[in-house]
Amino acid sequence: MAVVIPDETLYAAHLTAVELKQELAVLLFQQDRLTLMQAAELANMPSIQFQHLLASRCISPHYDVPEFEQDLATLQQLGMF
C-alpha cells in the first residue's frame, strides 16, 4: 500500500520524505505499535542505526521476549534466518 503525502505538507513540516518515514517509525515504535525491527524497516535503516536514532532522542529500545519472537518469525518469513 502506498501513502501519498503532498509535497506541500512535507515543506510545511520542514521534512523530507525520508525524514517523515523516520519520524513515523519512531512514533509508532514509541507507542509500541511496531517492534524495533519493523520500525527500522519502515525508517529504511539498519537496526543498529535506528537504535542510534532512538538513543539520540533518549528513547529506550524496550525490546522484550515477545518482540524478539515476533522479529524472529519475521526474519524467518523473509528467509533471512
Protein backbone atom coordinates (compact mmCIF):
# COMPACT_ATOMS: atom_id res chain seq x y z
CA MET A 1 0.00 0.00 0.00
CA ALA A 2 1.33 3.39 -0.93
CA VAL A 3 0.63 6.52 1.07
CA VAL A 4 0.89 9.80 -0.79
CA ILE A 5 1.96 12.86 1.18
CA PRO A 6 1.71 16.11 -0.76
CA ASP A 7 5.00 17.96 -1.21
CA GLU A 8 3.35 21.00 0.36
CA THR A 9 2.82 19.04 3.58
CA LEU A 10 6.44 17.94 3.68
CA TYR A 11 7.54 21.51 3.01
CA ALA A 12 5.29 22.86 5.77
CA ALA A 13 6.66 20.27 8.20
CA HIS A 14 10.25 21.04 7.13
CA LEU A 15 10.80 17.34 6.42
CA THR A 16 11.99 15.28 3.52
CA ALA A 17 10.16 12.07 2.63
CA VAL A 18 12.99 10.09 4.25
CA GLU A 19 12.77 12.13 7.45
CA LEU A 20 8.99 11.71 7.57
CA LYS A 21 9.34 7.93 7.38
CA GLN A 22 11.88 8.05 10.21
CA GLU A 23 9.60 10.23 12.33
CA LEU A 24 6.68 7.90 11.73
CA ALA A 25 8.80 4.88 12.60
CA VAL A 26 9.98 6.48 15.86
CA LEU A 27 6.44 7.47 16.81
CA LEU A 28 4.98 4.02 16.11
CA PHE A 29 7.84 2.38 17.98
CA GLN A 30 7.31 4.67 21.00
CA GLN A 31 3.64 3.74 21.00
CA ASP A 32 4.52 0.01 20.94
CA ARG A 33 2.76 -0.36 17.63
CA LEU A 34 5.89 -1.59 15.83
CA THR A 35 8.77 -3.72 17.01
CA LEU A 36 12.30 -2.45 16.77
CA MET A 37 12.90 -4.40 13.55
CA GLN A 38 9.62 -3.28 11.99
CA ALA A 39 10.31 0.35 12.85
CA ALA A 40 13.84 0.14 11.49
CA GLU A 41 12.47 -1.35 8.29
CA LEU A 42 9.88 1.44 7.98
CA ALA A 43 12.63 4.02 8.56
CA ASN A 44 14.66 2.21 5.88
CA MET A 45 17.58 1.95 8.28
CA PRO A 46 19.67 -0.91 9.60
CA SER A 47 18.52 -1.90 13.09
CA ILE A 48 21.66 -0.58 14.78
CA GLN A 49 21.35 2.78 13.03
CA PHE A 50 17.70 3.03 14.10
CA GLN A 51 18.77 2.22 17.66
CA HIS A 52 21.25 5.09 17.48
CA LEU A 53 18.42 7.37 16.30
CA LEU A 54 16.34 6.27 19.28
CA ALA A 55 19.26 6.81 21.65
CA SER A 56 19.83 10.32 20.28
CA ARG A 57 16.27 11.06 21.39
CA CYS A 58 16.65 9.31 24.76
CA ILE A 59 14.16 6.59 23.75
CA SER A 60 14.88 3.16 25.18
CA PRO A 61 14.62 0.19 22.86
CA HIS A 62 12.10 -1.61 25.20
CA TYR A 63 12.84 -4.87 23.47
CA ASP A 64 11.28 -7.85 25.23
CA VAL A 65 10.86 -11.57 24.60
CA PRO A 66 7.56 -11.32 22.66
CA GLU A 67 9.11 -8.70 20.37
CA PHE A 68 12.16 -10.91 19.89
CA GLU A 69 9.94 -13.84 18.97
CA GLN A 70 7.95 -11.68 16.55
CA ASP A 71 11.13 -10.37 14.93
CA LEU A 72 12.49 -13.89 14.67
CA ALA A 73 9.28 -15.01 12.94
CA THR A 74 9.51 -12.02 10.57
CA LEU A 75 13.13 -12.86 9.71
CA GLN A 76 12.16 -16.46 9.07
CA GLN A 77 9.32 -15.36 6.77
CA LEU A 78 11.73 -13.12 4.89
CA GLY A 79 14.15 -16.02 4.55
CA MET A 80 16.82 -14.12 6.46
CA PHE A 81 17.15 -16.70 9.22
